[in-house]
Amino acid sequence: MSKQVSPLVNESLPLAAGGRMAGEERRLSILRAAVALFSQRGFRGATTKEIAQAAGISEAMVFRHFATKEELFAAILDHKACAEGLEDPCELVADAVRRKDDQAVFQTLALTALQHHEKDTEFIRLLLHAALEAHQLTEMFWDKYVLRIYEFLSNYIRERQRDRAFRDVEPRVVVRAFIGMIMHHSLNNSLWDPKRRLLNITNERAAREFTEILLKGITNPAKQSKVNRRSSGHQAPSKKKKQRK
């Protein structure tokens, strides 16, 4: 006996004449159903038949919109990326990069990621299932989004190292530490400790403090001392001339 799948299609989607969904709405309903089922059961635990049933359409209609599973997986990534604002996160900090505002660059990216993770835990679950099952979606996501973030932030860090603002640390190590803080925090909040018994702070505070931890670790000590003196209003002590006896 086949499993009964509750409808996952959004009932608020507009319908075409005759009560049928228009093509774009039907395509979106398939994607929503696929994401929901894959995030709950994994890619091996959900079939196209169940996706069709959840979307309220025939299985043949699923294949009419997505001829292959590869097309469906790619569409899921694009759909989630657009919904999560991942299509070009570098644009979010383009102005801060031009100003070389290190705090704004990292804090904006961190806050954006934390807010999206909190809003949509399905995407995190989807990626975890993909990784655990060695599914092709993992490589697709890695190539299309993760590598872009690594390249973007690594290039920025190298530029700031040439400015002598950052210490000589392998940029990819810095990026991994930065992303690691964000992802571990999101996984705790979304999956392991949703009641936030261990740590209950706002996304804004988390993004700010993660950024400060990172920057304090990579900022050039000489540069940092100058910044501290300027911010505190203290001037460097002047050298006194030796008095002749």
C-alpha atoms as a PDB file:
ATOM      1  CA  MET A   1       0.000   0.000   0.000  1.00  0.00           C
ATOM      2  CA  SER A   2       1.429   3.367  -0.939  1.00  0.00           C
ATOM      3  CA  LYS A   3       2.023   6.001   1.714  1.00  0.00           C
ATOM      4  CA  GLN A   4      -0.543   8.735   2.010  1.00  0.00           C
ATOM      5  CA  VAL A   5       1.028  12.110   1.440  1.00  0.00           C
ATOM      6  CA  SER A   6      -0.720  15.225   2.642  1.00  0.00           C
ATOM      7  CA  PRO A   7      -1.018  17.976   0.028  1.00  0.00           C
ATOM      8  CA  LEU A   8       1.857  20.432   0.292  1.00  0.00           C
ATOM      9  CA  VAL A   9       0.849  22.767  -2.489  1.00  0.00           C
ATOM     10  CA  ASN A  10       0.035  26.291  -1.392  1.00  0.00           C
ATOM     11  CA  GLU A  11      -3.716  26.705  -1.691  1.00  0.00           C
ATOM     12  CA  SER A  12      -3.272  30.432  -2.226  1.00  0.00           C
ATOM     13  CA  LEU A  13      -1.664  29.879  -5.627  1.00  0.00           C
ATOM     14  CA  PRO A  14      -3.738  31.487  -8.376  1.00  0.00           C
ATOM     15  CA  LEU A  15      -5.593  29.165 -10.691  1.00  0.00           C
ATOM     16  CA  ALA A  16      -6.095  29.423 -14.415  1.00  0.00           C
ATOM     17  CA  ALA A  17      -9.517  29.305 -16.053  1.00  0.00           C
ATOM     18  CA  GLY A  18     -11.461  26.159 -15.189  1.00  0.00           C
ATOM     19  CA  GLY A  19      -9.837  25.818 -11.753  1.00  0.00           C
ATOM     20  CA  ARG A  20      -6.537  24.464 -13.089  1.00  0.00           C
ATOM     21  CA  MET A  21      -3.144  25.799 -12.085  1.00  0.00           C
ATOM     22  CA  ALA A  22      -1.275  27.816 -14.690  1.00  0.00           C
ATOM     23  CA  GLY A  23       2.066  26.435 -15.896  1.00  0.00           C
ATOM     24  CA  GLU A  24       4.322  28.541 -13.655  1.00  0.00           C
ATOM     25  CA  GLU A  25       2.167  27.934 -10.574  1.00  0.00           C
ATOM     26  CA  ARG A  26       2.142  24.203 -11.270  1.00  0.00           C
ATOM     27  CA  ARG A  27       5.919  24.196 -11.637  1.00  0.00           C
ATOM     28  CA  LEU A  28       6.279  26.045  -8.346  1.00  0.00           C
ATOM     29  CA  SER A  29       3.933  23.617  -6.584  1.00  0.00           C
ATOM     30  CA  ILE A  30       6.101  20.710  -7.788  1.00  0.00           C
ATOM     31  CA  LEU A  31       9.245  22.372  -6.450  1.00  0.00           C
ATOM     32  CA  ARG A  32       7.650  23.098  -3.079  1.00  0.00           C
ATOM     33  CA  ALA A  33       6.401  19.536  -2.770  1.00  0.00           C
ATOM     34  CA  ALA A  34       9.788  18.107  -3.792  1.00  0.00           C
ATOM     35  CA  VAL A  35      11.690  20.258  -1.300  1.00  0.00           C
ATOM     36  CA  ALA A  36       9.312  19.377   1.532  1.00  0.00           C
ATOM     37  CA  LEU A  37       9.456  15.628   0.858  1.00  0.00           C
ATOM     38  CA  PHE A  38      13.202  15.471   0.232  1.00  0.00           C
ATOM     39  CA  SER A  39      13.924  17.470   3.395  1.00  0.00           C
ATOM     40  CA  GLN A  40      11.692  15.112   5.434  1.00  0.00           C
ATOM     41  CA  ARG A  41      12.620  11.738   3.943  1.00  0.00           C
ATOM     42  CA  GLY A  42      15.786  12.261   1.973  1.00  0.00           C
ATOM     43  CA  PHE A  43      16.269  11.733  -1.729  1.00  0.00           C
ATOM     44  CA  ARG A  44      15.992   7.949  -1.484  1.00  0.00           C
ATOM     45  CA  GLY A  45      12.852   8.088   0.593  1.00  0.00           C
ATOM     46  CA  ALA A  46      10.661  10.155  -1.716  1.00  0.00           C
ATOM     47  CA  THR A  47       9.438   9.217  -5.174  1.00  0.00           C
ATOM     48  CA  THR A  48       8.198  11.280  -8.101  1.00  0.00           C
ATOM     49  CA  LYS A  49       4.805   9.667  -7.599  1.00  0.00           C
ATOM     50  CA  GLU A  50       4.646  11.013  -4.037  1.00  0.00           C
ATOM     51  CA  ILE A  51       5.830  14.429  -5.209  1.00  0.00           C
ATOM     52  CA  ALA A  52       3.054  14.477  -7.794  1.00  0.00           C
ATOM     53  CA  GLN A  53       0.468  13.416  -5.205  1.00  0.00           C
ATOM     54  CA  ALA A  54       1.632  16.102  -2.770  1.00  0.00           C
ATOM     55  CA  ALA A  55       1.464  18.727  -5.516  1.00  0.00           C
ATOM     56  CA  GLY A  56      -1.997  17.597  -6.539  1.00  0.00           C
ATOM     57  CA  ILE A  57      -1.060  16.612 -10.086  1.00  0.00           C
ATOM     58  CA  SER A  58      -0.261  13.488 -12.084  1.00  0.00           C
ATOM     59  CA  GLU A  59       3.205  11.945 -12.164  1.00  0.00           C
ATOM     60  CA  ALA A  60       3.278  12.517 -15.929  1.00  0.00           C
ATOM     61  CA  MET A  61       2.876  16.245 -15.268  1.00  0.00           C
ATOM     62  CA  VAL A  62       6.001  16.215 -13.095  1.00  0.00           C
ATOM     63  CA  PHE A  63       8.039  14.802 -15.977  1.00  0.00           C
ATOM     64  CA  ARG A  64       6.452  17.281 -18.365  1.00  0.00           C
ATOM     65  CA  HIS A  65       7.975  20.105 -16.331  1.00  0.00           C
ATOM     66  CA  PHE A  66      11.190  18.284 -15.408  1.00  0.00           C
ATOM     67  CA  ALA A  67      12.252  15.701 -17.974  1.00  0.00           C
ATOM     68  CA  THR A  68      15.011  14.299 -15.740  1.00  0.00           C
ATOM     69  CA  LYS A  69      15.776  14.215 -12.043  1.00  0.00           C
ATOM     70  CA  GLU A  70      18.855  16.343 -12.742  1.00  0.00           C
ATOM     71  CA  GLU A  71      16.579  19.096 -14.073  1.00  0.00           C
ATOM     72  CA  LEU A  72      14.441  18.850 -10.947  1.00  0.00           C
ATOM     73  CA  PHE A  73      17.469  19.067  -8.639  1.00  0.00           C
ATOM     74  CA  ALA A  74      18.881  22.063 -10.518  1.00  0.00           C
ATOM     75  CA  ALA A  75      15.489  23.772 -10.358  1.00  0.00           C
ATOM     76  CA  ILE A  76      15.288  23.144  -6.613  1.00  0.00           C
ATOM     77  CA  LEU A  77      18.639  24.865  -6.137  1.00  0.00           C
ATOM     78  CA  ASP A  78      17.631  27.831  -8.278  1.00  0.00           C
ATOM     79  CA  HIS A  79      14.271  28.087  -6.517  1.00  0.00           C
ATOM     80  CA  LYS A  80      15.836  28.013  -3.065  1.00  0.00           C
ATOM     81  CA  ALA A  81      18.642  30.361  -4.070  1.00  0.00           C
ATOM     82  CA  CYS A  82      16.167  32.962  -5.306  1.00  0.00           C
ATOM     83  CA  ALA A  83      13.991  32.578  -2.227  1.00  0.00           C
ATOM     84  CA  GLU A  84      17.007  32.768   0.093  1.00  0.00           C
ATOM     85  CA  GLY A  85      18.788  35.589  -1.730  1.00  0.00           C
ATOM     86  CA  LEU A  86      21.750  33.352  -2.548  1.00  0.00           C
ATOM     87  CA  GLU A  87      21.883  34.014  -6.267  1.00  0.00           C
ATOM     88  CA  ASP A  88      24.520  36.718  -5.785  1.00  0.00           C
ATOM     89  CA  PRO A  89      25.238  37.433  -2.102  1.00  0.00           C
ATOM     90  CA  CYS A  90      28.377  39.342  -3.117  1.00  0.00           C
ATOM     91  CA  GLU A  91      26.162  42.156  -4.372  1.00  0.00           C
ATOM     92  CA  LEU A  92      24.934  42.671  -0.813  1.00  0.00           C
ATOM     93  CA  VAL A  93      28.353  43.916   0.265  1.00  0.00           C
ATOM     94  CA  ALA A  94      29.632  45.486  -2.957  1.00  0.00           C
ATOM     95  CA  ASP A  95      29.617  48.982  -1.478  1.00  0.00           C
ATOM     96  CA  ALA A  96      31.307  47.853   1.756  1.00  0.00           C
ATOM     97  CA  VAL A  97      34.008  46.115  -0.302  1.00  0.00           C
ATOM     98  CA  ARG A  98      34.698  49.325  -2.217  1.00  0.00           C
ATOM     99  CA  ARG A  99      34.958  51.235   1.071  1.00  0.00           C
ATOM    100  CA  LYS A 100      37.071  48.431   2.560  1.00  0.00           C
ATOM    101  CA  ASP A 101      34.748  48.350   5.543  1.00  0.00           C
ATOM    102  CA  ASP A 102      35.756  44.967   6.974  1.00  0.00           C
ATOM    103  CA  GLN A 103      33.124  44.960   9.709  1.00  0.00           C
ATOM    104  CA  ALA A 104      30.320  45.671   7.229  1.00  0.00           C
ATOM    105  CA  VAL A 105      31.495  43.044   4.732  1.00  0.00           C
ATOM    106  CA  PHE A 106      31.571  40.123   7.147  1.00  0.00           C
ATOM    107  CA  GLN A 107      28.739  41.211   9.433  1.00  0.00           C
ATOM    108  CA  THR A 108      26.302  41.767   6.548  1.00  0.00           C
ATOM    109  CA  LEU A 109      27.033  38.350   5.042  1.00  0.00           C
ATOM    110  CA  ALA A 110      26.748  36.665   8.437  1.00  0.00           C
ATOM    111  CA  LEU A 111      23.456  38.338   9.316  1.00  0.00           C
ATOM    112  CA  THR A 112      21.943  37.582   5.907  1.00  0.00           C
ATOM    113  CA  ALA A 113      22.866  33.899   6.174  1.00  0.00           C
ATOM    114  CA  LEU A 114      21.594  33.574   9.758  1.00  0.00           C
ATOM    115  CA  GLN A 115      18.280  35.216   8.909  1.00  0.00           C
ATOM    116  CA  HIS A 116      17.715  32.946   5.916  1.00  0.00           C
ATOM    117  CA  HIS A 117      18.651  29.810   7.853  1.00  0.00           C
ATOM    118  CA  GLU A 118      16.220  30.726  10.616  1.00  0.00           C
ATOM    119  CA  LYS A 119      13.418  31.451   8.153  1.00  0.00           C
ATOM    120  CA  ASP A 120      13.794  28.263   6.139  1.00  0.00           C
ATOM    121  CA  THR A 121      15.116  25.161   7.910  1.00  0.00           C
ATOM    122  CA  GLU A 122      13.995  23.010   4.968  1.00  0.00           C
ATOM    123  CA  PHE A 123      16.987  24.087   2.931  1.00  0.00           C
ATOM    124  CA  ILE A 124      19.434  23.090   5.675  1.00  0.00           C
ATOM    125  CA  ARG A 125      17.759  19.697   6.055  1.00  0.00           C
ATOM    126  CA  LEU A 126      17.782  19.256   2.288  1.00  0.00           C
ATOM    127  CA  LEU A 127      21.528  19.868   2.091  1.00  0.00           C
ATOM    128  CA  LEU A 128      22.212  17.558   5.036  1.00  0.00           C
ATOM    129  CA  HIS A 129      20.269  14.737   3.414  1.00  0.00           C
ATOM    130  CA  ALA A 130      22.152  15.351   0.172  1.00  0.00           C
ATOM    131  CA  ALA A 131      25.520  15.187   1.934  1.00  0.00           C
ATOM    132  CA  LEU A 132      24.672  12.066   3.942  1.00  0.00           C
ATOM    133  CA  GLU A 133      23.405  10.259   0.854  1.00  0.00           C
ATOM    134  CA  ALA A 134      26.310  11.437  -1.320  1.00  0.00           C
ATOM    135  CA  HIS A 135      23.680  12.928  -3.580  1.00  0.00           C
ATOM    136  CA  GLN A 136      24.593  14.943  -6.659  1.00  0.00           C
ATOM    137  CA  LEU A 137      22.791  17.974  -5.238  1.00  0.00           C
ATOM    138  CA  THR A 138      25.713  18.412  -2.838  1.00  0.00           C
ATOM    139  CA  GLU A 139      28.216  18.890  -5.640  1.00  0.00           C
ATOM    140  CA  MET A 140      25.808  21.111  -7.553  1.00  0.00           C
ATOM    141  CA  PHE A 141      25.343  23.373  -4.539  1.00  0.00           C
ATOM    142  CA  TRP A 142      29.073  23.381  -3.776  1.00  0.00           C
ATOM    143  CA  ASP A 143      30.074  24.334  -7.311  1.00  0.00           C
ATOM    144  CA  LYS A 144      27.381  26.930  -7.831  1.00  0.00           C
ATOM    145  CA  TYR A 145      27.353  28.738  -4.482  1.00  0.00           C
ATOM    146  CA  VAL A 146      29.952  27.665  -1.919  1.00  0.00           C
ATOM    147  CA  LEU A 147      32.949  28.028  -4.233  1.00  0.00           C
ATOM    148  CA  ARG A 148      31.755  31.490  -5.240  1.00  0.00           C
ATOM    149  CA  ILE A 149      31.661  32.630  -1.620  1.00  0.00           C
ATOM    150  CA  TYR A 150      35.115  31.168  -0.979  1.00  0.00           C
ATOM    151  CA  GLU A 151      36.546  32.890  -4.041  1.00  0.00           C
ATOM    152  CA  PHE A 152      34.870  36.214  -3.281  1.00  0.00           C
ATOM    153  CA  LEU A 153      35.919  36.403   0.373  1.00  0.00           C
ATOM    154  CA  SER A 154      39.395  34.983  -0.307  1.00  0.00           C
ATOM    155  CA  ASN A 155      40.024  37.698  -2.894  1.00  0.00           C
ATOM    156  CA  TYR A 156      38.843  40.371  -0.465  1.00  0.00           C
ATOM    157  CA  ILE A 157      41.065  39.025   2.306  1.00  0.00           C
ATOM    158  CA  ARG A 158      44.091  38.946  -0.023  1.00  0.00           C
ATOM    159  CA  GLU A 159      43.453  42.553  -0.975  1.00  0.00           C
ATOM    160  CA  ARG A 160      43.302  43.577   2.669  1.00  0.00           C
ATOM    161  CA  GLN A 161      46.507  41.625   3.314  1.00  0.00           C
ATOM    162  CA  ARG A 162      48.208  43.641   0.559  1.00  0.00           C
ATOM    163  CA  ASP A 163      46.963  46.749   2.372  1.00  0.00           C
ATOM    164  CA  ARG A 164      48.668  45.340   5.492  1.00  0.00           C
ATOM    165  CA  ALA A 165      45.306  45.506   7.261  1.00  0.00           C
ATOM    166  CA  PHE A 166      45.141  41.722   7.781  1.00  0.00           C
ATOM    167  CA  ARG A 167      47.790  39.306   9.001  1.00  0.00           C
ATOM    168  CA  ASP A 168      49.364  36.840   6.590  1.00  0.00           C
ATOM    169  CA  VAL A 169      46.935  33.953   7.063  1.00  0.00           C
ATOM    170  CA  GLU A 170      45.751  31.559   4.358  1.00  0.00           C
ATOM    171  CA  PRO A 171      42.530  33.268   3.153  1.00  0.00           C
ATOM    172  CA  ARG A 172      40.638  29.996   2.730  1.00  0.00           C
ATOM    173  CA  VAL A 173      41.320  29.132   6.368  1.00  0.00           C
ATOM    174  CA  VAL A 174      39.776  32.469   7.360  1.00  0.00           C
ATOM    175  CA  VAL A 175      36.737  31.855   5.160  1.00  0.00           C
ATOM    176  CA  ARG A 176      36.263  28.375   6.583  1.00  0.00           C
ATOM    177  CA  ALA A 177      36.427  29.704  10.143  1.00  0.00           C
ATOM    178  CA  PHE A 178      33.898  32.401   9.296  1.00  0.00           C
ATOM    179  CA  ILE A 179      31.436  30.067   7.577  1.00  0.00           C
ATOM    180  CA  GLY A 180      31.998  27.481  10.307  1.00  0.00           C
ATOM    181  CA  MET A 181      30.795  29.854  13.023  1.00  0.00           C
ATOM    182  CA  ILE A 182      27.680  30.725  11.054  1.00  0.00           C
ATOM    183  CA  MET A 183      26.757  27.172  10.073  1.00  0.00           C
ATOM    184  CA  HIS A 184      27.363  25.673  13.514  1.00  0.00           C
ATOM    185  CA  HIS A 185      25.192  28.363  15.093  1.00  0.00           C
ATOM    186  CA  SER A 186      22.429  27.793  12.520  1.00  0.00           C
ATOM    187  CA  LEU A 187      22.522  24.005  12.902  1.00  0.00           C
ATOM    188  CA  ASN A 188      22.234  24.327  16.674  1.00  0.00           C
ATOM    189  CA  ASN A 189      19.283  26.708  16.431  1.00  0.00           C
ATOM    190  CA  SER A 190      17.477  24.862  13.654  1.00  0.00           C
ATOM    191  CA  LEU A 191      18.100  21.183  14.353  1.00  0.00           C
ATOM    192  CA  TRP A 192      19.769  20.372  17.662  1.00  0.00           C
ATOM    193  CA  ASP A 193      18.676  23.076  20.078  1.00  0.00           C
ATOM    194  CA  PRO A 194      15.612  24.845  18.621  1.00  0.00           C
ATOM    195  CA  LYS A 195      14.574  26.016  22.096  1.00  0.00           C
ATOM    196  CA  ARG A 196      17.993  27.712  22.368  1.00  0.00           C
ATOM    197  CA  ARG A 197      18.692  26.485  25.880  1.00  0.00           C
ATOM    198  CA  LEU A 198      22.435  26.582  25.278  1.00  0.00           C
ATOM    199  CA  LEU A 199      22.670  30.020  23.670  1.00  0.00           C
ATOM    200  CA  ASN A 200      19.796  32.398  23.066  1.00  0.00           C
ATOM    201  CA  ILE A 201      20.937  35.530  21.263  1.00  0.00           C
ATOM    202  CA  THR A 202      19.557  37.494  18.335  1.00  0.00           C
ATOM    203  CA  ASN A 203      20.872  37.020  14.811  1.00  0.00           C
ATOM    204  CA  GLU A 204      22.103  40.608  14.883  1.00  0.00           C
ATOM    205  CA  ARG A 205      24.186  40.024  17.981  1.00  0.00           C
ATOM    206  CA  ALA A 206      25.514  36.695  16.685  1.00  0.00           C
ATOM    207  CA  ALA A 207      26.560  38.259  13.369  1.00  0.00           C
ATOM    208  CA  ARG A 208      28.245  41.167  15.137  1.00  0.00           C
ATOM    209  CA  GLU A 209      30.150  39.065  17.652  1.00  0.00           C
ATOM    210  CA  PHE A 210      31.194  36.388  15.145  1.00  0.00           C
ATOM    211  CA  THR A 211      32.566  39.182  12.966  1.00  0.00           C
ATOM    212  CA  GLU A 212      34.438  40.776  15.857  1.00  0.00           C
ATOM    213  CA  ILE A 213      35.966  37.432  16.835  1.00  0.00           C
ATOM    214  CA  LEU A 214      37.104  36.898  13.262  1.00  0.00           C
ATOM    215  CA  LEU A 215      38.522  40.380  12.741  1.00  0.00           C
ATOM    216  CA  LYS A 216      40.363  40.403  16.065  1.00  0.00           C
ATOM    217  CA  GLY A 217      42.039  37.198  14.973  1.00  0.00           C
ATOM    218  CA  ILE A 218      43.197  38.351  11.529  1.00  0.00           C
ATOM    219  CA  THR A 219      43.706  42.105  11.858  1.00  0.00           C
ATOM    220  CA  ASN A 220      47.336  43.190  11.645  1.00  0.00           C
ATOM    221  CA  PRO A 221      48.455  43.983  15.236  1.00  0.00           C
ATOM    222  CA  ALA A 222      50.182  47.194  14.168  1.00  0.00           C
ATOM    223  CA  LYS A 223      47.068  48.320  12.322  1.00  0.00           C
ATOM    224  CA  GLN A 224      44.868  47.355  15.249  1.00  0.00           C
ATOM    225  CA  SER A 225      46.926  49.364  17.741  1.00  0.00           C
ATOM    226  CA  LYS A 226      46.563  52.484  15.599  1.00  0.00           C
ATOM    227  CA  VAL A 227      42.812  51.946  15.365  1.00  0.00           C
ATOM    228  CA  ASN A 228      42.558  51.472  19.132  1.00  0.00           C
ATOM    229  CA  ARG A 229      44.530  54.642  19.817  1.00  0.00           C
ATOM    230  CA  ARG A 230      42.342  56.662  17.461  1.00  0.00           C
ATOM    231  CA  SER A 231      39.109  55.252  18.900  1.00  0.00           C
ATOM    232  CA  SER A 232      40.210  55.874  22.506  1.00  0.00           C
ATOM    233  CA  GLY A 233      41.553  59.360  21.803  1.00  0.00           C
ATOM    234  CA  HIS A 234      45.012  58.550  23.149  1.00  0.00           C
ATOM    235  CA  GLN A 235      48.094  59.717  21.350  1.00  0.00           C
ATOM    236  CA  ALA A 236      51.295  57.779  21.160  1.00  0.00           C
ATOM    237  CA  PRO A 237      53.677  58.882  23.908  1.00  0.00           C
ATOM    238  CA  SER A 238      56.298  61.294  22.620  1.00  0.00           C
ATOM    239  CA  LYS A 239      59.954  60.632  23.205  1.00  0.00           C
ATOM    240  CA  LYS A 240      61.486  62.934  25.808  1.00  0.00           C
ATOM    241  CA  LYS A 241      64.838  64.434  25.167  1.00  0.00           C
ATOM    242  CA  LYS A 242      67.534  63.462  27.587  1.00  0.00           C
ATOM    243  CA  GLN A 243      68.347  66.307  29.953  1.00  0.00           C
ATOM    244  CA  ARG A 244      71.923  67.304  30.166  1.00  0.00           C
ATOM    245  CA  LYS A 245      73.376  67.491  33.558  1.00  0.00           C
END
